[in-house]
């Protein structure tokens, strides 16, 4: 056993040290700052856009992230928990949580990664500490033992008046204060888990957890990594997606470079381009809100001025593959979050190539033999 199973059973989480190299950690740190377009040495920069809810940064298919996902050590830990080596990695995100300020007053919160009204499935999530993280930095916090208390609530409260409506609580009951959470947390104490760079915290999804309020003078940086059985991904429950999910994952990985291609073309950080492109999918009228360049764009000023009109006329968001990808978001949860904007970005890049002669080379992240199996390109 590569971790303390008794501690895991009692508390619902465990810390595993030194799962990846310092070089791997630094590569992700550098990628986060580049993706967000922020200077790690300029505190004022930390609060510029893109600043996303929950301090979550929606980068997923960067090479540095894949280098950690395909870590044999992380695969070993999840294999022990699942009882099989035949696993897929969840295409998850990273976290950049700067200290609280006038511009950023994120309080943090406790939540479940599951619907608390349903019996917990075996399902696990993990976070990799990219830097030394003190308890004051707004990192991982949890309520040790709350996973066992949730089972007690489910055994004693299903039929009484504190149970949620029969039509299902959905995401609100995972996230917000409610009778279940109040009962489960009574008498227990939330704990902020400090750690060293390279520590990997893994937890049971029935554990109340979250990130916290950063009252230090340094940003918290972390990468979320989880693995689930081959053919599945993590949503509010374990989703069995089979071949449809496998193809969606491969397409997401293959289209991963395109948001960066669009970003370089218009001269903004990838995170800002991603924010704009995602907004178009939610509300096409925002196509006119293209962010102004922050660095020298590949397109000319005339081309930049005409791009929103070209996109409005082409209605690339109505492409069949983009519409289908949007439909996968609620079905696959975090496992389907990025595909639609990646496909949309591909069509935007191809439009710029056709209209403006934009040249680009879309090379997806390089995978090891283990990584190919964790993605689903090769079967176990």
Protein backbone atom coordinates (compact mmCIF):
# COMPACT_ATOMS: atom_id res chain seq x y z
CA UNK A 1 0.00 0.00 0.00
CA UNK A 2 1.50 3.33 -1.08
CA UNK A 3 -0.47 5.44 1.42
CA UNK A 4 -1.93 5.22 4.93
CA UNK A 5 -5.21 3.37 4.37
CA UNK A 6 -6.32 3.65 8.00
CA UNK A 7 -5.94 7.45 7.90
CA UNK A 8 -7.81 7.50 4.58
CA UNK A 9 -10.73 5.47 5.94
CA UNK A 10 -10.97 7.64 9.07
CA UNK A 11 -10.55 11.09 7.54
CA UNK A 12 -11.60 10.74 3.90
CA UNK A 13 -8.38 12.17 2.47
CA UNK A 14 -4.66 11.48 2.46
CA UNK A 15 -1.50 13.44 1.51
CA UNK A 16 1.06 11.67 -0.68
CA UNK A 17 4.40 13.50 -0.96
CA UNK A 18 6.66 14.05 -3.95
CA UNK A 19 4.53 12.53 -6.70
CA UNK A 20 6.20 14.48 -9.54
CA UNK A 21 9.49 16.28 -10.11
CA UNK A 22 10.19 19.93 -9.36
CA UNK A 23 10.71 20.47 -13.09
CA UNK A 24 7.16 19.23 -13.75
CA UNK A 25 5.77 21.53 -11.06
CA UNK A 26 7.59 24.56 -12.43
CA UNK A 27 6.37 23.80 -15.96
CA UNK A 28 2.75 24.00 -14.80
CA UNK A 29 3.41 27.17 -12.80
CA UNK A 30 4.93 28.81 -15.88
CA UNK A 31 2.03 27.59 -18.03
CA UNK A 32 -0.56 29.09 -15.66
CA UNK A 33 1.08 32.51 -15.68
CA UNK A 34 1.43 32.40 -19.46
CA UNK A 35 -2.16 31.21 -19.97
CA UNK A 36 -3.55 34.00 -17.78
CA UNK A 37 -1.11 36.63 -19.10
CA UNK A 38 -0.06 37.65 -15.60
CA UNK A 39 3.35 38.52 -14.22
CA UNK A 40 4.07 36.39 -11.12
CA UNK A 41 6.31 39.16 -9.78
CA UNK A 42 3.76 41.96 -10.18
CA UNK A 43 1.05 41.72 -7.53
CA UNK A 44 -1.26 44.09 -9.44
CA UNK A 45 -1.19 41.68 -12.38
CA UNK A 46 -2.69 38.87 -10.31
CA UNK A 47 -6.09 40.55 -10.33
CA UNK A 48 -6.38 41.30 -14.05
CA UNK A 49 -8.78 39.42 -16.30
CA UNK A 50 -9.23 36.56 -16.79
CA UNK A 51 -10.34 36.12 -13.19
CA UNK A 52 -12.70 33.16 -12.99
CA UNK A 53 -15.25 32.00 -10.37
CA UNK A 54 -13.73 29.90 -7.64
CA UNK A 55 -10.22 30.85 -8.81
CA UNK A 56 -10.47 28.02 -11.35
CA UNK A 57 -8.43 28.43 -14.55
CA UNK A 58 -9.94 26.64 -17.54
CA UNK A 59 -6.77 25.31 -19.10
CA UNK A 60 -6.88 21.58 -19.71
CA UNK A 61 -4.77 20.24 -22.58
CA UNK A 62 -1.50 22.04 -21.96
CA UNK A 63 1.58 19.81 -22.25
CA UNK A 64 2.64 20.56 -18.68
CA UNK A 65 -0.70 19.36 -17.33
CA UNK A 66 -0.46 16.15 -19.32
CA UNK A 67 3.06 15.51 -18.06
CA UNK A 68 1.66 15.30 -14.51
CA UNK A 69 -1.53 13.42 -15.44
CA UNK A 70 0.54 10.65 -16.96
CA UNK A 71 2.74 10.34 -13.87
CA UNK A 72 3.21 6.63 -13.03
CA UNK A 73 3.13 7.48 -9.31
CA UNK A 74 -0.29 9.13 -9.54
CA UNK A 75 -1.58 6.24 -11.65
CA UNK A 76 -0.31 3.81 -9.01
CA UNK A 77 -2.25 5.54 -6.22
CA UNK A 78 -5.54 5.63 -8.12
CA UNK A 79 -5.02 2.02 -9.22
CA UNK A 80 -4.85 0.97 -5.57
CA UNK A 81 -8.05 2.84 -4.76
CA UNK A 82 -9.96 1.49 -7.75
CA UNK A 83 -8.50 -1.99 -7.66
CA UNK A 84 -7.54 -1.85 -11.34
CA UNK A 85 -4.86 -0.24 -13.48
CA UNK A 86 -7.34 0.25 -16.34
CA UNK A 87 -8.09 3.93 -15.75
CA UNK A 88 -8.78 7.13 -17.67
CA UNK A 89 -7.65 10.56 -16.52
CA UNK A 90 -10.25 13.31 -16.11
CA UNK A 91 -9.49 16.34 -18.30
CA UNK A 92 -9.50 18.74 -15.36
CA UNK A 93 -8.27 22.27 -14.63
CA UNK A 94 -5.86 24.28 -12.47
CA UNK A 95 -6.32 26.84 -9.70
CA UNK A 96 -4.84 30.30 -9.24
CA UNK A 97 -6.12 31.86 -6.03
CA UNK A 98 -4.42 35.21 -5.26
CA UNK A 99 -4.54 36.87 -1.84
CA UNK A 100 -7.70 38.75 -0.95
CA UNK A 101 -7.69 42.38 -2.02
CA UNK A 102 -10.01 45.20 -3.03
CA UNK A 103 -10.33 43.52 -6.44
CA UNK A 104 -10.58 39.93 -5.21
CA UNK A 105 -12.40 38.86 -2.07
CA UNK A 106 -12.93 35.17 -2.70
CA UNK A 107 -14.11 33.61 0.55
CA UNK A 108 -13.74 29.95 -0.40
CA UNK A 109 -16.42 27.40 0.39
CA UNK A 110 -17.10 23.79 1.31
CA UNK A 111 -18.95 21.48 -1.05
CA UNK A 112 -19.33 17.92 -2.26
CA UNK A 113 -18.26 16.55 -5.65
CA UNK A 114 -21.44 14.48 -5.65
CA UNK A 115 -25.17 14.72 -5.04
CA UNK A 116 -25.40 14.25 -1.25
CA UNK A 117 -28.91 12.81 -1.48
CA UNK A 118 -27.60 9.79 -3.39
CA UNK A 119 -25.53 6.94 -1.91
CA UNK A 120 -21.86 7.74 -2.52
CA UNK A 121 -20.17 5.78 -5.27
CA UNK A 122 -16.49 4.95 -5.09
CA UNK A 123 -15.19 8.17 -6.66
CA UNK A 124 -12.00 10.06 -5.95
CA UNK A 125 -10.52 13.47 -6.70
CA UNK A 126 -7.04 14.85 -6.22
CA UNK A 127 -5.08 18.09 -6.21
CA UNK A 128 -1.36 18.58 -6.78
CA UNK A 129 0.35 21.36 -4.79
CA UNK A 130 2.54 23.27 -7.24
CA UNK A 131 4.22 25.38 -4.55
CA UNK A 132 4.73 25.16 -0.80
CA UNK A 133 1.27 26.04 0.50
CA UNK A 134 0.56 27.24 4.03
CA UNK A 135 -2.80 26.98 5.75
CA UNK A 136 -3.33 30.71 5.11
CA UNK A 137 -2.98 30.50 1.31
CA UNK A 138 -6.51 29.43 0.44
CA UNK A 139 -5.55 25.91 -0.59
CA UNK A 140 -7.35 22.63 -0.01
CA UNK A 141 -9.60 22.54 3.02
CA UNK A 142 -11.93 19.80 4.18
CA UNK A 143 -14.01 18.52 7.07
CA UNK A 144 -12.23 15.31 8.12
CA UNK A 145 -14.65 12.48 8.73
CA UNK A 146 -17.58 14.19 7.01
CA UNK A 147 -17.74 11.40 4.42
CA UNK A 148 -18.74 8.99 7.20
CA UNK A 149 -21.22 11.49 8.65
CA UNK A 150 -22.89 11.78 5.26
CA UNK A 151 -23.53 8.04 5.28
CA UNK A 152 -25.07 8.42 8.76
CA UNK A 153 -27.37 11.18 7.50
CA UNK A 154 -28.46 9.08 4.55
CA UNK A 155 -29.20 6.13 6.82
CA UNK A 156 -31.36 8.15 9.25
CA UNK A 157 -32.89 11.09 7.35
CA UNK A 158 -34.05 9.87 3.97
CA UNK A 159 -37.73 9.85 4.86
CA UNK A 160 -38.04 12.75 7.30
CA UNK A 161 -38.81 16.41 6.79
CA UNK A 162 -35.20 17.47 6.36
CA UNK A 163 -34.85 15.46 3.18
CA UNK A 164 -34.68 17.51 -0.04
CA UNK A 165 -37.48 17.64 -2.61
CA UNK A 166 -38.24 14.45 -4.50
CA UNK A 167 -37.38 16.03 -7.85
CA UNK A 168 -33.73 16.16 -6.81
CA UNK A 169 -31.52 18.91 -5.39
CA UNK A 170 -29.02 19.05 -8.23
CA UNK A 171 -25.92 21.21 -8.02
CA UNK A 172 -27.32 23.63 -5.41
CA UNK A 173 -27.36 20.92 -2.77
CA UNK A 174 -23.77 20.00 -3.60
CA UNK A 175 -22.60 23.57 -3.18
CA UNK A 176 -24.76 25.62 -0.83
CA UNK A 177 -25.67 25.50 2.83
CA UNK A 178 -28.60 23.14 3.28
CA UNK A 179 -30.03 20.83 5.95
CA UNK A 180 -27.76 17.96 4.92
CA UNK A 181 -24.57 20.01 5.10
CA UNK A 182 -25.58 21.61 8.41
CA UNK A 183 -26.26 18.19 9.95
CA UNK A 184 -23.10 16.59 8.59
CA UNK A 185 -20.76 19.38 9.69
CA UNK A 186 -22.20 19.79 13.21
CA UNK A 187 -19.49 19.02 15.77
CA UNK A 188 -16.78 18.72 13.13
CA UNK A 189 -14.09 21.27 12.30
CA UNK A 190 -12.99 22.36 8.82
CA UNK A 191 -9.24 22.00 8.40
CA UNK A 192 -6.91 23.72 5.94
CA UNK A 193 -4.33 21.23 4.68
CA UNK A 194 -0.89 22.77 4.33
CA UNK A 195 1.60 21.02 2.07
CA UNK A 196 4.89 21.08 0.23
CA UNK A 197 5.36 21.53 -3.50
CA UNK A 198 4.81 18.13 -5.06
CA UNK A 199 2.37 16.90 -2.42
CA UNK A 200 -0.74 15.24 -3.80
CA UNK A 201 -3.95 15.35 -1.77
CA UNK A 202 -6.54 12.77 -2.75
CA UNK A 203 -10.02 12.61 -1.25
CA UNK A 204 -13.30 10.73 -1.31
CA UNK A 205 -15.95 12.77 -3.15
CA UNK A 206 -18.31 12.28 -0.18
CA UNK A 207 -15.94 14.45 1.88
CA UNK A 208 -16.92 18.08 2.37
CA UNK A 209 -14.04 20.06 0.91
CA UNK A 210 -13.09 23.11 -1.13
CA UNK A 211 -10.46 25.79 -1.49
CA UNK A 212 -10.23 28.58 1.04
CA UNK A 213 -9.73 32.29 1.53
CA UNK A 214 -6.17 33.35 0.79
CA UNK A 215 -5.05 35.68 3.59
CA UNK A 216 -1.34 35.29 2.84
CA UNK A 217 0.81 37.47 0.57
CA UNK A 218 1.32 34.82 -2.14
CA UNK A 219 -1.00 33.18 -4.69
CA UNK A 220 -2.04 29.57 -4.31
CA UNK A 221 -1.30 27.42 -7.39
CA UNK A 222 -2.55 23.87 -7.86
CA UNK A 223 -3.48 21.29 -10.50
CA UNK A 224 -6.51 19.01 -10.19
CA UNK A 225 -5.94 15.40 -11.22
CA UNK A 226 -8.27 12.42 -10.94
CA UNK A 227 -8.55 9.04 -12.60
CA UNK A 228 -11.61 6.84 -13.01
CA UNK A 229 -12.19 3.42 -14.59
CA UNK A 230 -11.72 3.04 -18.33
CA UNK A 231 -14.87 4.17 -20.16
CA UNK A 232 -15.95 6.63 -17.46
CA UNK A 233 -15.51 10.21 -16.28
CA UNK A 234 -16.41 12.20 -13.17
CA UNK A 235 -19.53 14.33 -12.99
CA UNK A 236 -21.86 14.48 -9.95
CA UNK A 237 -21.54 10.71 -10.22
CA UNK A 238 -19.46 8.20 -12.15
CA UNK A 239 -20.57 8.54 -15.79
CA UNK A 240 -20.20 5.56 -18.12
CA UNK A 241 -19.72 7.09 -21.55
CA UNK A 242 -18.20 4.28 -23.57
CA UNK A 243 -17.14 4.98 -27.14
CA UNK A 244 -18.88 8.37 -27.36
CA UNK A 245 -16.91 9.60 -24.35
CA UNK A 246 -13.67 8.11 -25.67
CA UNK A 247 -14.02 9.93 -29.00
CA UNK A 248 -14.94 13.20 -27.25
CA UNK A 249 -11.84 12.96 -25.06
CA UNK A 250 -9.55 12.27 -28.01
CA UNK A 251 -11.08 15.16 -29.96
CA UNK A 252 -10.62 17.48 -26.96
CA UNK A 253 -6.94 16.52 -26.70
CA UNK A 254 -6.45 16.84 -30.47
CA UNK A 255 -8.13 20.29 -30.56
CA UNK A 256 -6.37 21.46 -27.41
CA UNK A 257 -3.92 23.75 -29.28
CA UNK A 258 -6.59 25.83 -31.04
CA UNK A 259 -7.58 28.28 -28.27
CA UNK A 260 -3.90 29.27 -28.07
CA UNK A 261 -3.77 29.68 -31.86
CA UNK A 262 -6.75 32.06 -31.73
CA UNK A 263 -5.20 33.91 -28.78
CA UNK A 264 -1.90 34.48 -30.58
CA UNK A 265 -3.74 35.65 -33.69
CA UNK A 266 -5.63 38.39 -31.82
CA UNK A 267 -2.78 39.21 -29.44
CA UNK A 268 -4.19 38.25 -26.04
CA UNK A 269 -3.39 35.60 -23.39
CA UNK A 270 -5.03 32.25 -24.06
CA UNK A 271 -7.17 32.54 -20.94
CA UNK A 272 -8.66 35.82 -22.15
CA UNK A 273 -9.32 34.38 -25.61
CA UNK A 274 -10.93 31.33 -24.00
CA UNK A 275 -13.17 33.59 -21.93
CA UNK A 276 -14.30 35.44 -25.06
CA UNK A 277 -14.86 32.27 -27.10
CA UNK A 278 -16.77 30.57 -24.28
CA UNK A 279 -18.93 33.66 -23.93
CA UNK A 280 -19.84 33.51 -27.62
CA UNK A 281 -21.07 29.94 -27.21
CA UNK A 282 -23.29 31.05 -24.32
CA UNK A 283 -24.43 34.29 -26.01
CA UNK A 284 -23.49 34.80 -29.69
CA UNK A 285 -24.03 38.56 -29.45
CA UNK A 286 -20.83 38.78 -27.40
CA UNK A 287 -18.83 38.00 -30.55
CA UNK A 288 -18.53 41.80 -30.82
CA UNK A 289 -16.73 41.93 -27.47
CA UNK A 290 -13.39 40.71 -28.74
CA UNK A 291 -10.71 41.74 -26.22
CA UNK A 292 -8.19 44.32 -27.44
CA UNK A 293 -4.61 43.14 -28.01
CA UNK A 294 -2.27 43.01 -25.04
CA UNK A 295 0.72 42.10 -27.20
CA UNK A 296 1.50 42.18 -30.92
CA UNK A 297 -1.17 40.13 -32.73
CA UNK A 298 -0.53 37.99 -35.78
CA UNK A 299 -3.47 39.61 -37.56
CA UNK A 300 -3.27 43.14 -38.94
CA UNK A 301 -5.36 45.93 -37.47
CA UNK A 302 -7.74 45.75 -40.44
CA UNK A 303 -8.11 42.00 -40.02
CA UNK A 304 -8.77 42.36 -36.31
CA UNK A 305 -11.48 44.93 -36.98
CA UNK A 306 -13.20 42.64 -39.47
CA UNK A 307 -12.95 39.40 -37.47
CA UNK A 308 -16.06 39.87 -35.27
CA UNK A 309 -18.17 40.60 -38.37
CA UNK A 310 -16.77 37.54 -40.13
CA UNK A 311 -17.60 35.37 -37.14
CA UNK A 312 -21.10 36.83 -36.86
CA UNK A 313 -21.74 36.09 -40.52
CA UNK A 314 -20.29 32.57 -40.41
CA UNK A 315 -22.10 31.51 -37.20
CA UNK A 316 -19.48 28.91 -36.47
CA UNK A 317 -21.15 28.23 -33.12
CA UNK A 318 -23.97 26.60 -35.08
CA UNK A 319 -21.68 23.93 -36.52
CA UNK A 320 -23.04 20.46 -35.82
CA UNK A 321 -19.95 19.28 -33.95
CA UNK A 322 -19.95 22.38 -31.70
CA UNK A 323 -23.66 21.99 -30.88
CA UNK A 324 -23.12 18.32 -30.09
CA UNK A 325 -20.15 19.17 -27.87
CA UNK A 326 -22.25 21.71 -25.95
CA UNK A 327 -24.82 18.98 -25.31
CA UNK A 328 -22.12 16.86 -23.66
CA UNK A 329 -21.40 19.42 -20.93
CA UNK A 330 -24.22 18.40 -18.57
CA UNK A 331 -23.82 14.74 -19.50
CA UNK A 332 -20.12 14.44 -18.73
CA UNK A 333 -19.58 17.27 -16.24
CA UNK A 334 -15.95 18.32 -16.00
CA UNK A 335 -15.18 15.57 -18.52
CA UNK A 336 -17.09 17.46 -21.20
CA UNK A 337 -16.41 21.04 -20.18
CA UNK A 338 -13.76 22.07 -22.69
CA UNK A 339 -14.59 20.27 -25.93
CA UNK A 340 -17.08 22.81 -27.30
CA UNK A 341 -14.73 25.81 -27.03
CA UNK A 342 -11.84 23.76 -28.41
CA UNK A 343 -13.87 22.74 -31.48
CA UNK A 344 -15.17 26.28 -31.89
CA UNK A 345 -11.59 27.57 -31.69
CA UNK A 346 -10.56 25.15 -34.41
CA UNK A 347 -13.24 26.51 -36.73
CA UNK A 348 -12.23 30.09 -35.90
CA UNK A 349 -8.58 29.30 -36.66
CA UNK A 350 -9.53 27.67 -39.97
CA UNK A 351 -11.65 30.73 -40.86
CA UNK A 352 -8.71 33.04 -40.16
CA UNK A 353 -6.49 30.81 -42.30
CA UNK A 354 -8.96 30.94 -45.19
CA UNK A 355 -9.73 34.67 -44.95
CA UNK A 356 -6.41 36.11 -43.78
CA UNK A 357 -3.83 33.49 -44.70
CA UNK A 358 -3.06 32.80 -41.03
CA UNK A 359 -0.48 30.04 -40.73
CA UNK A 360 -0.45 27.77 -37.70
CA UNK A 361 0.74 24.37 -36.54
CA UNK A 362 -1.70 22.60 -34.22
CA UNK A 363 0.31 20.02 -32.31
CA UNK A 364 -1.46 18.37 -29.36
CA UNK A 365 0.28 17.45 -26.12
CA UNK A 366 2.74 14.59 -26.41
CA UNK A 367 1.68 11.43 -24.59
CA UNK A 368 3.67 8.59 -23.09
CA UNK A 369 2.51 5.02 -23.56
CA UNK A 370 0.73 5.30 -20.21
CA UNK A 371 -0.75 8.65 -21.25
CA UNK A 372 -2.23 7.14 -24.42
CA UNK A 373 -4.08 4.60 -22.30
CA UNK A 374 -5.14 7.23 -19.75
CA UNK A 375 -6.66 9.29 -22.58
CA UNK A 376 -8.19 6.36 -24.44
CA UNK A 377 -6.20 6.49 -27.68
CA UNK A 378 -4.98 3.02 -26.79
CA UNK A 379 -7.09 0.56 -24.84
CA UNK A 380 -5.82 -1.23 -21.78
